Amino acid sequence: MKSSLRKMEWAYHVTLREFLPSIAKKGLQPDSHESANGEEVIFVERSQEEAEVYAAPDTVTLRFLVDGFGCTEDGEDVLYDVTIPAVEIEVYDKKARSWRPLKERR
């Protein structure tokens, strides 16, 4: 019997720290982007190292499991038309060098 489950992979996303309260309430939501032909996407990277290229002092790196990636015409990895629930998101703690849940599961 074949399994219909797809392999889950980590996706990484860098965002401004000030957006964390909103993400904790509503999840990580897609935005319309010109480089994705106006489609609603979340830009992601496939590794923490690739994501941290976009890091700055006022940003945080998030990670969450996905069952696949989309791709823009420019070759950028994206997630199309999906909201990532806050309980599925982890935040990288630079001081502790470890991941912690953005929001605890209830």
PDB file of N, CA and C in Angstrom:
ATOM      1  N   MET A   1       0.836  -1.180   0.000  1.00  0.00           N
ATOM      2  CA  MET A   1       0.000   0.000   0.000  1.00  0.00           C
ATOM      3  C   MET A   1       0.883   1.247   0.000  1.00  0.00           C
ATOM      4  N   LYS A   2       0.672   2.109  -0.965  1.00  0.00           N
ATOM      5  CA  LYS A   2       1.448   3.343  -1.058  1.00  0.00           C
ATOM      6  C   LYS A   2       0.903   4.382  -0.089  1.00  0.00           C
ATOM      7  N   SER A   3       1.809   5.123   0.506  1.00  0.00           N
ATOM      8  CA  SER A   3       1.409   6.214   1.385  1.00  0.00           C
ATOM      9  C   SER A   3       1.102   7.447   0.539  1.00  0.00           C
ATOM     10  N   SER A   4       0.015   8.097   0.855  1.00  0.00           N
ATOM     11  CA  SER A   4      -0.328   9.327   0.139  1.00  0.00           C
ATOM     12  C   SER A   4       0.212  10.568   0.848  1.00  0.00           C
ATOM     13  N   LEU A   5       0.932  10.349   1.930  1.00  0.00           N
ATOM     14  CA  LEU A   5       1.493  11.478   2.666  1.00  0.00           C
ATOM     15  C   LEU A   5       2.720  12.017   1.949  1.00  0.00           C
ATOM     16  N   ARG A   6       2.781  13.323   1.821  1.00  0.00           N
ATOM     17  CA  ARG A   6       3.946  13.951   1.219  1.00  0.00           C
ATOM     18  C   ARG A   6       4.964  14.225   2.307  1.00  0.00           C
ATOM     19  N   LYS A   7       6.215  14.226   1.912  1.00  0.00           N
ATOM     20  CA  LYS A   7       7.294  14.521   2.850  1.00  0.00           C
ATOM     21  C   LYS A   7       7.193  15.977   3.289  1.00  0.00           C
ATOM     22  N   MET A   8       7.207  16.198   4.579  1.00  0.00           N
ATOM     23  CA  MET A   8       7.166  17.554   5.118  1.00  0.00           C
ATOM     24  C   MET A   8       8.599  18.092   5.190  1.00  0.00           C
ATOM     25  N   GLU A   9       8.754  19.355   4.830  1.00  0.00           N
ATOM     26  CA  GLU A   9      10.055  20.015   4.861  1.00  0.00           C
ATOM     27  C   GLU A   9       9.927  21.332   5.610  1.00  0.00           C
ATOM     28  N   TRP A  10      11.038  21.769   6.204  1.00  0.00           N
ATOM     29  CA  TRP A  10      11.042  23.071   6.861  1.00  0.00           C
ATOM     30  C   TRP A  10      11.104  24.171   5.808  1.00  0.00           C
ATOM     31  N   ALA A  11      10.323  25.202   6.031  1.00  0.00           N
ATOM     32  CA  ALA A  11      10.399  26.437   5.251  1.00  0.00           C
ATOM     33  C   ALA A  11      10.793  27.534   6.230  1.00  0.00           C
ATOM     34  N   TYR A  12      11.620  28.468   5.786  1.00  0.00           N
ATOM     35  CA  TYR A  12      12.125  29.550   6.633  1.00  0.00           C
ATOM     36  C   TYR A  12      11.712  30.888   6.039  1.00  0.00           C
ATOM     37  N   HIS A  13      11.341  31.804   6.928  1.00  0.00           N
ATOM     38  CA  HIS A  13      10.861  33.117   6.497  1.00  0.00           C
ATOM     39  C   HIS A  13      11.377  34.163   7.476  1.00  0.00           C
ATOM     40  N   VAL A  14      11.931  35.248   6.969  1.00  0.00           N
ATOM     41  CA  VAL A  14      12.420  36.342   7.811  1.00  0.00           C
ATOM     42  C   VAL A  14      11.398  37.470   7.763  1.00  0.00           C
ATOM     43  N   THR A  15      11.063  38.011   8.937  1.00  0.00           N
ATOM     44  CA  THR A  15      10.099  39.104   9.011  1.00  0.00           C
ATOM     45  C   THR A  15      10.532  40.091  10.085  1.00  0.00           C
ATOM     46  N   LEU A  16       9.919  41.245  10.081  1.00  0.00           N
ATOM     47  CA  LEU A  16      10.218  42.239  11.113  1.00  0.00           C
ATOM     48  C   LEU A  16       9.674  41.784  12.467  1.00  0.00           C
ATOM     49  N   ARG A  17      10.443  42.009  13.499  1.00  0.00           N
ATOM     50  CA  ARG A  17      10.041  41.634  14.860  1.00  0.00           C
ATOM     51  C   ARG A  17       8.696  42.267  15.244  1.00  0.00           C
ATOM     52  N   GLU A  18       8.447  43.480  14.772  1.00  0.00           N
ATOM     53  CA  GLU A  18       7.210  44.183  15.123  1.00  0.00           C
ATOM     54  C   GLU A  18       5.955  43.471  14.587  1.00  0.00           C
ATOM     55  N   PHE A  19       6.119  42.572  13.617  1.00  0.00           N
ATOM     56  CA  PHE A  19       4.975  41.844  13.061  1.00  0.00           C
ATOM     57  C   PHE A  19       4.602  40.608  13.882  1.00  0.00           C
ATOM     58  N   LEU A  20       5.430  40.200  14.846  1.00  0.00           N
ATOM     59  CA  LEU A  20       5.164  38.977  15.604  1.00  0.00           C
ATOM     60  C   LEU A  20       3.809  38.967  16.317  1.00  0.00           C
ATOM     61  N   PRO A  21       3.383  40.060  16.976  1.00  0.00           N
ATOM     62  CA  PRO A  21       2.068  40.017  17.630  1.00  0.00           C
ATOM     63  C   PRO A  21       0.926  39.729  16.648  1.00  0.00           C
ATOM     64  N   SER A  22       0.982  40.322  15.468  1.00  0.00           N
ATOM     65  CA  SER A  22      -0.047  40.078  14.462  1.00  0.00           C
ATOM     66  C   SER A  22       0.012  38.640  13.946  1.00  0.00           C
ATOM     67  N   ILE A  23       1.215  38.136  13.709  1.00  0.00           N
ATOM     68  CA  ILE A  23       1.377  36.758  13.241  1.00  0.00           C
ATOM     69  C   ILE A  23       0.887  35.784  14.310  1.00  0.00           C
ATOM     70  N   ALA A  24       1.156  36.099  15.594  1.00  0.00           N
ATOM     71  CA  ALA A  24       0.690  35.236  16.680  1.00  0.00           C
ATOM     72  C   ALA A  24      -0.834  35.179  16.740  1.00  0.00           C
ATOM     73  N   LYS A  25      -1.495  36.260  16.332  1.00  0.00           N
ATOM     74  CA  LYS A  25      -2.968  36.301  16.338  1.00  0.00           C
ATOM     75  C   LYS A  25      -3.574  35.666  15.091  1.00  0.00           C
ATOM     76  N   LYS A  26      -3.040  36.030  13.929  1.00  0.00           N
ATOM     77  CA  LYS A  26      -3.674  35.674  12.653  1.00  0.00           C
ATOM     78  C   LYS A  26      -2.930  34.630  11.829  1.00  0.00           C
ATOM     79  N   GLY A  27      -1.724  34.246  12.277  1.00  0.00           N
ATOM     80  CA  GLY A  27      -0.894  33.365  11.472  1.00  0.00           C
ATOM     81  C   GLY A  27      -0.097  34.172  10.463  1.00  0.00           C
ATOM     82  N   LEU A  28       0.803  33.498   9.763  1.00  0.00           N
ATOM     83  CA  LEU A  28       1.601  34.141   8.722  1.00  0.00           C
ATOM     84  C   LEU A  28       0.786  34.121   7.444  1.00  0.00           C
ATOM     85  N   GLN A  29       0.397  35.299   6.979  1.00  0.00           N
ATOM     86  CA  GLN A  29      -0.516  35.410   5.849  1.00  0.00           C
ATOM     87  C   GLN A  29       0.219  35.824   4.576  1.00  0.00           C
ATOM     88  N   PRO A  30      -0.269  35.361   3.438  1.00  0.00           N
ATOM     89  CA  PRO A  30       0.356  35.744   2.173  1.00  0.00           C
ATOM     90  C   PRO A  30       0.022  37.184   1.796  1.00  0.00           C
ATOM     91  N   ASP A  31       0.875  37.763   0.982  1.00  0.00           N
ATOM     92  CA  ASP A  31       0.668  39.103   0.440  1.00  0.00           C
ATOM     93  C   ASP A  31       0.773  39.033  -1.077  1.00  0.00           C
ATOM     94  N   SER A  32       0.111  39.952  -1.737  1.00  0.00           N
ATOM     95  CA  SER A  32       0.205  40.058  -3.186  1.00  0.00           C
ATOM     96  C   SER A  32       1.569  40.669  -3.526  1.00  0.00           C
ATOM     97  N   HIS A  33       2.290  40.017  -4.431  1.00  0.00           N
ATOM     98  CA  HIS A  33       3.617  40.499  -4.805  1.00  0.00           C
ATOM     99  C   HIS A  33       3.745  40.597  -6.314  1.00  0.00           C
ATOM    100  N   GLU A  34       4.341  41.688  -6.757  1.00  0.00           N
ATOM    101  CA  GLU A  34       4.554  41.921  -8.181  1.00  0.00           C
ATOM    102  C   GLU A  34       5.434  40.829  -8.796  1.00  0.00           C
ATOM    103  N   SER A  35       6.471  40.412  -8.054  1.00  0.00           N
ATOM    104  CA  SER A  35       7.383  39.404  -8.598  1.00  0.00           C
ATOM    105  C   SER A  35       6.741  38.015  -8.685  1.00  0.00           C
ATOM    106  N   ALA A  36       5.527  37.877  -8.132  1.00  0.00           N
ATOM    107  CA  ALA A  36       4.770  36.624  -8.249  1.00  0.00           C
ATOM    108  C   ALA A  36       3.513  36.877  -9.092  1.00  0.00           C
ATOM    109  N   ASN A  37       3.631  37.818 -10.041  1.00  0.00           N
ATOM    110  CA  ASN A  37       2.514  38.178 -10.932  1.00  0.00           C
ATOM    111  C   ASN A  37       1.266  38.597 -10.163  1.00  0.00           C
ATOM    112  N   GLY A  38       1.466  39.266  -9.027  1.00  0.00           N
ATOM    113  CA  GLY A  38       0.348  39.765  -8.236  1.00  0.00           C
ATOM    114  C   GLY A  38      -0.353  38.715  -7.399  1.00  0.00           C
ATOM    115  N   GLU A  39       0.130  37.475  -7.433  1.00  0.00           N
ATOM    116  CA  GLU A  39      -0.511  36.416  -6.655  1.00  0.00           C
ATOM    117  C   GLU A  39      -0.163  36.549  -5.173  1.00  0.00           C
ATOM    118  N   GLU A  40      -1.021  35.984  -4.331  1.00  0.00           N
ATOM    119  CA  GLU A  40      -0.809  35.989  -2.878  1.00  0.00           C
ATOM    120  C   GLU A  40       0.195  34.893  -2.527  1.00  0.00           C
ATOM    121  N   VAL A  41       1.336  35.287  -1.992  1.00  0.00           N
ATOM    122  CA  VAL A  41       2.401  34.331  -1.675  1.00  0.00           C
ATOM    123  C   VAL A  41       3.094  34.702  -0.361  1.00  0.00           C
ATOM    124  N   ILE A  42       3.799  33.719   0.171  1.00  0.00           N
ATOM    125  CA  ILE A  42       4.744  33.933   1.263  1.00  0.00           C
ATOM    126  C   ILE A  42       6.097  33.520   0.702  1.00  0.00           C
ATOM    127  N   PHE A  43       7.060  34.430   0.699  1.00  0.00           N
ATOM    128  CA  PHE A  43       8.400  34.092   0.237  1.00  0.00           C
ATOM    129  C   PHE A  43       9.106  33.296   1.325  1.00  0.00           C
ATOM    130  N   VAL A  44       9.743  32.208   0.943  1.00  0.00           N
ATOM    131  CA  VAL A  44      10.416  31.329   1.897  1.00  0.00           C
ATOM    132  C   VAL A  44      11.766  30.904   1.344  1.00  0.00           C
ATOM    133  N   GLU A  45      12.550  30.367   2.221  1.00  0.00           N
ATOM    134  CA  GLU A  45      13.823  29.747   1.855  1.00  0.00           C
ATOM    135  C   GLU A  45      13.796  28.315   2.371  1.00  0.00           C
ATOM    136  N   ARG A  46      14.646  27.472   1.793  1.00  0.00           N
ATOM    137  CA  ARG A  46      14.671  26.053   2.162  1.00  0.00           C
ATOM    138  C   ARG A  46      15.658  25.735   3.271  1.00  0.00           C
ATOM    139  N   SER A  47      16.429  26.730   3.706  1.00  0.00           N
ATOM    140  CA  SER A  47      17.358  26.514   4.818  1.00  0.00           C
ATOM    141  C   SER A  47      17.462  27.775   5.657  1.00  0.00           C
ATOM    142  N   GLN A  48      17.855  27.573   6.902  1.00  0.00           N
ATOM    143  CA  GLN A  48      18.029  28.711   7.796  1.00  0.00           C
ATOM    144  C   GLN A  48      19.140  29.623   7.283  1.00  0.00           C
ATOM    145  N   GLU A  49      20.183  29.034   6.753  1.00  0.00           N
ATOM    146  CA  GLU A  49      21.308  29.827   6.245  1.00  0.00           C
ATOM    147  C   GLU A  49      20.867  30.737   5.094  1.00  0.00           C
ATOM    148  N   GLU A  50      20.038  30.205   4.188  1.00  0.00           N
ATOM    149  CA  GLU A  50      19.546  31.013   3.067  1.00  0.00           C
ATOM    150  C   GLU A  50      18.637  32.137   3.559  1.00  0.00           C
ATOM    151  N   ALA A  51      17.829  31.851   4.552  1.00  0.00           N
ATOM    152  CA  ALA A  51      16.906  32.860   5.082  1.00  0.00           C
ATOM    153  C   ALA A  51      17.668  33.979   5.784  1.00  0.00           C
ATOM    154  N   GLU A  52      18.718  33.629   6.488  1.00  0.00           N
ATOM    155  CA  GLU A  52      19.435  34.628   7.290  1.00  0.00           C
ATOM    156  C   GLU A  52      20.176  35.653   6.450  1.00  0.00           C
ATOM    157  N   VAL A  53      20.249  35.451   5.144  1.00  0.00           N
ATOM    158  CA  VAL A  53      20.795  36.473   4.247  1.00  0.00           C
ATOM    159  C   VAL A  53      19.955  37.745   4.363  1.00  0.00           C
ATOM    160  N   TYR A  54      18.669  37.577   4.662  1.00  0.00           N
ATOM    161  CA  TYR A  54      17.733  38.703   4.762  1.00  0.00           C
ATOM    162  C   TYR A  54      17.611  39.243   6.191  1.00  0.00           C
ATOM    163  N   ALA A  55      18.305  38.643   7.135  1.00  0.00           N
ATOM    164  CA  ALA A  55      18.202  39.050   8.533  1.00  0.00           C
ATOM    165  C   ALA A  55      18.842  40.416   8.761  1.00  0.00           C
ATOM    166  N   ALA A  56      18.265  41.149   9.706  1.00  0.00           N
ATOM    167  CA  ALA A  56      18.767  42.451  10.135  1.00  0.00           C
ATOM    168  C   ALA A  56      18.489  42.539  11.642  1.00  0.00           C
ATOM    169  N   PRO A  57      19.026  43.557  12.320  1.00  0.00           N
ATOM    170  CA  PRO A  57      18.817  43.640  13.774  1.00  0.00           C
ATOM    171  C   PRO A  57      17.346  43.654  14.201  1.00  0.00           C
ATOM    172  N   ASP A  58      16.454  44.160  13.364  1.00  0.00           N
ATOM    173  CA  ASP A  58      15.048  44.259  13.758  1.00  0.00           C
ATOM    174  C   ASP A  58      14.179  43.141  13.151  1.00  0.00           C
ATOM    175  N   THR A  59      14.821  42.046  12.735  1.00  0.00           N
ATOM    176  CA  THR A  59      14.070  40.932  12.143  1.00  0.00           C
ATOM    177  C   THR A  59      14.201  39.667  12.975  1.00  0.00           C
ATOM    178  N   VAL A  60      13.327  38.715  12.683  1.00  0.00           N
ATOM    179  CA  VAL A  60      13.383  37.384  13.291  1.00  0.00           C
ATOM    180  C   VAL A  60      13.219  36.355  12.180  1.00  0.00           C
ATOM    181  N   THR A  61      13.762  35.179  12.410  1.00  0.00           N
ATOM    182  CA  THR A  61      13.612  34.084  11.467  1.00  0.00           C
ATOM    183  C   THR A  61      12.556  33.127  11.995  1.00  0.00           C
ATOM    184  N   LEU A  62      11.602  32.793  11.130  1.00  0.00           N
ATOM    185  CA  LEU A  62      10.534  31.855  11.462  1.00  0.00           C
ATOM    186  C   LEU A  62      10.751  30.568  10.679  1.00  0.00           C
ATOM    187  N   ARG A  63      10.240  29.459  11.220  1.00  0.00           N
ATOM    188  CA  ARG A  63      10.235  28.229  10.442  1.00  0.00           C
ATOM    189  C   ARG A  63       8.934  27.483  10.704  1.00  0.00           C
ATOM    190  N   PHE A  64       8.551  26.675   9.728  1.00  0.00           N
ATOM    191  CA  PHE A  64       7.318  25.897   9.812  1.00  0.00           C
ATOM    192  C   PHE A  64       7.409  24.791   8.763  1.00  0.00           C
ATOM    193  N   LEU A  65       6.683  23.723   8.992  1.00  0.00           N
ATOM    194  CA  LEU A  65       6.701  22.601   8.068  1.00  0.00           C
ATOM    195  C   LEU A  65       5.710  22.808   6.931  1.00  0.00           C
ATOM    196  N   VAL A  66       6.128  22.457   5.726  1.00  0.00           N
ATOM    197  CA  VAL A  66       5.269  22.536   4.548  1.00  0.00           C
ATOM    198  C   VAL A  66       5.392  21.225   3.770  1.00  0.00           C
ATOM    199  N   ASP A  67       4.414  20.965   2.927  1.00  0.00           N
ATOM    200  CA  ASP A  67       4.464  19.732   2.135  1.00  0.00           C
ATOM    201  C   ASP A  67       4.887  19.985   0.694  1.00  0.00           C
ATOM    202  N   GLY A  68       5.496  21.121   0.456  1.00  0.00           N
ATOM    203  CA  GLY A  68       6.008  21.441  -0.868  1.00  0.00           C
ATOM    204  C   GLY A  68       6.158  22.934  -1.058  1.00  0.00           C
ATOM    205  N   PHE A  69       6.908  23.286  -2.091  1.00  0.00           N
ATOM    206  CA  PHE A  69       7.191  24.682  -2.385  1.00  0.00           C
ATOM    207  C   PHE A  69       6.708  25.025  -3.789  1.00  0.00           C
ATOM    208  N   GLY A  70       6.304  26.272  -3.967  1.00  0.00           N
ATOM    209  CA  GLY A  70       6.047  26.788  -5.300  1.00  0.00           C
ATOM    210  C   GLY A  70       7.257  27.584  -5.733  1.00  0.00           C
ATOM    211  N   CYS A  71       7.207  28.106  -6.926  1.00  0.00           N
ATOM    212  CA  CYS A  71       8.349  28.842  -7.445  1.00  0.00           C
ATOM    213  C   CYS A  71       7.851  29.962  -8.360  1.00  0.00           C
ATOM    214  N   THR A  72       8.425  31.148  -8.197  1.00  0.00           N
ATOM    215  CA  THR A  72       8.090  32.255  -9.089  1.00  0.00           C
ATOM    216  C   THR A  72       8.833  32.081 -10.405  1.00  0.00           C
ATOM    217  N   GLU A  73       8.499  32.906 -11.386  1.00  0.00           N
ATOM    218  CA  GLU A  73       9.208  32.867 -12.675  1.00  0.00           C
ATOM    219  C   GLU A  73      10.685  33.185 -12.498  1.00  0.00           C
ATOM    220  N   ASP A  74      11.013  33.952 -11.441  1.00  0.00           N
ATOM    221  CA  ASP A  74      12.411  34.312 -11.157  1.00  0.00           C
ATOM    222  C   ASP A  74      13.156  33.222 -10.392  1.00  0.00           C
ATOM    223  N   GLY A  75      12.453  32.136 -10.047  1.00  0.00           N
ATOM    224  CA  GLY A  75      13.090  31.034  -9.333  1.00  0.00           C
ATOM    225  C   GLY A  75      13.072  31.156  -7.825  1.00  0.00           C
ATOM    226  N   GLU A  76      12.302  32.102  -7.299  1.00  0.00           N
ATOM    227  CA  GLU A  76      12.227  32.255  -5.847  1.00  0.00           C
ATOM    228  C   GLU A  76      11.217  31.268  -5.262  1.00  0.00           C
ATOM    229  N   ASP A  77      11.563  30.661  -4.127  1.00  0.00           N
ATOM    230  CA  ASP A  77      10.657  29.731  -3.460  1.00  0.00           C
ATOM    231  C   ASP A  77       9.545  30.493  -2.771  1.00  0.00           C
ATOM    232  N   VAL A  78       8.313  30.037  -2.961  1.00  0.00           N
ATOM    233  CA  VAL A  78       7.143  30.675  -2.371  1.00  0.00           C
ATOM    234  C   VAL A  78       6.129  29.618  -1.954  1.00  0.00           C
ATOM    235  N   LEU A  79       5.202  30.051  -1.121  1.00  0.00           N
ATOM    236  CA  LEU A  79       4.022  29.267  -0.790  1.00  0.00           C
ATOM    237  C   LEU A  79       2.850  30.055  -1.339  1.00  0.00           C
ATOM    238  N   TYR A  80       2.051  29.432  -2.173  1.00  0.00           N
ATOM    239  CA  TYR A  80       0.931  30.109  -2.815  1.00  0.00           C
ATOM    240  C   TYR A  80      -0.338  30.008  -1.980  1.00  0.00           C
ATOM    241  N   ASP A  81      -0.979  31.161  -1.785  1.00  0.00           N
ATOM    242  CA  ASP A  81      -2.347  31.218  -1.260  1.00  0.00           C
ATOM    243  C   ASP A  81      -2.582  30.338  -0.037  1.00  0.00           C
ATOM    244  N   VAL A  82      -1.718  30.477   0.955  1.00  0.00           N
ATOM    245  CA  VAL A  82      -1.845  29.689   2.184  1.00  0.00           C
ATOM    246  C   VAL A  82      -1.516  30.578   3.375  1.00  0.00           C
ATOM    247  N   THR A  83      -2.219  30.368   4.483  1.00  0.00           N
ATOM    248  CA  THR A  83      -1.890  31.023   5.748  1.00  0.00           C
ATOM    249  C   THR A  83      -1.304  29.969   6.670  1.00  0.00           C
ATOM    250  N   ILE A  84      -0.180  30.268   7.302  1.00  0.00           N
ATOM    251  CA  ILE A  84       0.461  29.332   8.234  1.00  0.00           C
ATOM    252  C   ILE A  84      -0.069  29.651   9.630  1.00  0.00           C
ATOM    253  N   PRO A  85      -0.786  28.708  10.268  1.00  0.00           N
ATOM    254  CA  PRO A  85      -1.306  28.965  11.623  1.00  0.00           C
ATOM    255  C   PRO A  85      -0.178  29.242  12.620  1.00  0.00           C
ATOM    256  N   ALA A  86      -0.427  30.158  13.529  1.00  0.00           N
ATOM    257  CA  ALA A  86       0.589  30.559  14.506  1.00  0.00           C
ATOM    258  C   ALA A  86       1.120  29.377  15.316  1.00  0.00           C
ATOM    259  N   VAL A  87       0.280  28.405  15.632  1.00  0.00           N
ATOM    260  CA  VAL A  87       0.725  27.259  16.439  1.00  0.00           C
ATOM    261  C   VAL A  87       1.700  26.359  15.682  1.00  0.00           C
ATOM    262  N   GLU A  88       1.830  26.555  14.376  1.00  0.00           N
ATOM    263  CA  GLU A  88       2.761  25.746  13.578  1.00  0.00           C
ATOM    264  C   GLU A  88       4.088  26.455  13.324  1.00  0.00           C
ATOM    265  N   ILE A  89       4.213  27.674  13.841  1.00  0.00           N
ATOM    266  CA  ILE A  89       5.402  28.493  13.579  1.00  0.00           C
ATOM    267  C   ILE A  89       6.352  28.467  14.774  1.00  0.00           C
ATOM    268  N   GLU A  90       7.634  28.337  14.467  1.00  0.00           N
ATOM    269  CA  GLU A  90       8.682  28.450  15.481  1.00  0.00           C
ATOM    270  C   GLU A  90       9.526  29.682  15.164  1.00  0.00           C
ATOM    271  N   VAL A  91      10.063  30.299  16.217  1.00  0.00           N
ATOM    272  CA  VAL A  91      10.900  31.499  16.101  1.00  0.00           C
ATOM    273  C   VAL A  91      12.297  31.147  16.575  1.00  0.00           C
ATOM    274  N   TYR A  92      13.305  31.598  15.842  1.00  0.00           N
ATOM    275  CA  TYR A  92      14.675  31.327  16.241  1.00  0.00           C
ATOM    276  C   TYR A  92      15.120  32.320  17.304  1.00  0.00           C
ATOM    277  N   ASP A  93      15.601  31.790  18.425  1.00  0.00           N
ATOM    278  CA  ASP A  93      16.128  32.598  19.518  1.00  0.00           C
ATOM    279  C   ASP A  93      17.641  32.665  19.338  1.00  0.00           C
ATOM    280  N   LYS A  94      18.134  33.817  18.896  1.00  0.00           N
ATOM    281  CA  LYS A  94      19.560  33.959  18.585  1.00  0.00           C
ATOM    282  C   LYS A  94      20.453  33.746  19.803  1.00  0.00           C
ATOM    283  N   LYS A  95      20.019  34.246  20.966  1.00  0.00           N
ATOM    284  CA  LYS A  95      20.838  34.108  22.176  1.00  0.00           C
ATOM    285  C   LYS A  95      20.955  32.656  22.603  1.00  0.00           C
ATOM    286  N   ALA A  96      19.854  31.940  22.614  1.00  0.00           N
ATOM    287  CA  ALA A  96      19.847  30.535  23.029  1.00  0.00           C
ATOM    288  C   ALA A  96      20.264  29.600  21.892  1.00  0.00           C
ATOM    289  N   ARG A  97      20.325  30.136  20.684  1.00  0.00           N
ATOM    290  CA  ARG A  97      20.626  29.343  19.495  1.00  0.00           C
ATOM    291  C   ARG A  97      19.718  28.119  19.393  1.00  0.00           C
ATOM    292  N   SER A  98      18.428  28.382  19.565  1.00  0.00           N
ATOM    293  CA  SER A  98      17.447  27.301  19.484  1.00  0.00           C
ATOM    294  C   SER A  98      16.102  27.864  19.010  1.00  0.00           C
ATOM    295  N   TRP A  99      15.209  26.962  18.635  1.00  0.00           N
ATOM    296  CA  TRP A  99      13.878  27.328  18.168  1.00  0.00           C
ATOM    297  C   TRP A  99      12.891  27.230  19.303  1.00  0.00           C
ATOM    298  N   ARG A 100      11.907  28.132  19.313  1.00  0.00           N
ATOM    299  CA  ARG A 100      10.844  28.082  20.322  1.00  0.00           C
ATOM    300  C   ARG A 100       9.517  28.318  19.609  1.00  0.00           C
ATOM    301  N   PRO A 101       8.431  27.779  20.150  1.00  0.00           N
ATOM    302  CA  PRO A 101       7.127  28.014  19.527  1.00  0.00           C
ATOM    303  C   PRO A 101       6.744  29.490  19.568  1.00  0.00           C
ATOM    304  N   LEU A 102       6.165  29.982  18.484  1.00  0.00           N
ATOM    305  CA  LEU A 102       5.637  31.345  18.483  1.00  0.00           C
ATOM    306  C   LEU A 102       4.452  31.426  19.425  1.00  0.00           C
ATOM    307  N   LYS A 103       3.615  30.402  19.390  1.00  0.00           N
ATOM    308  CA  LYS A 103       2.414  30.361  20.204  1.00  0.00           C
ATOM    309  C   LYS A 103       2.217  28.925  20.665  1.00  0.00           C
ATOM    310  N   GLU A 104       1.970  28.761  21.940  1.00  0.00           N
ATOM    311  CA  GLU A 104       1.776  27.409  22.471  1.00  0.00           C
ATOM    312  C   GLU A 104       0.469  26.820  21.973  1.00  0.00           C
ATOM    313  N   ARG A 105       0.501  25.535  21.688  1.00  0.00           N
ATOM    314  CA  ARG A 105      -0.738  24.829  21.317  1.00  0.00           C
ATOM    315  C   ARG A 105      -1.622  24.711  22.543  1.00  0.00           C
ATOM    316  N   ARG A 106      -2.930  24.797  22.330  1.00  0.00           N
ATOM    317  CA  ARG A 106      -3.865  24.686  23.469  1.00  0.00           C
ATOM    318  C   ARG A 106      -4.529  23.340  23.475  1.00  0.00           C
TER     319      ARG A 106
END
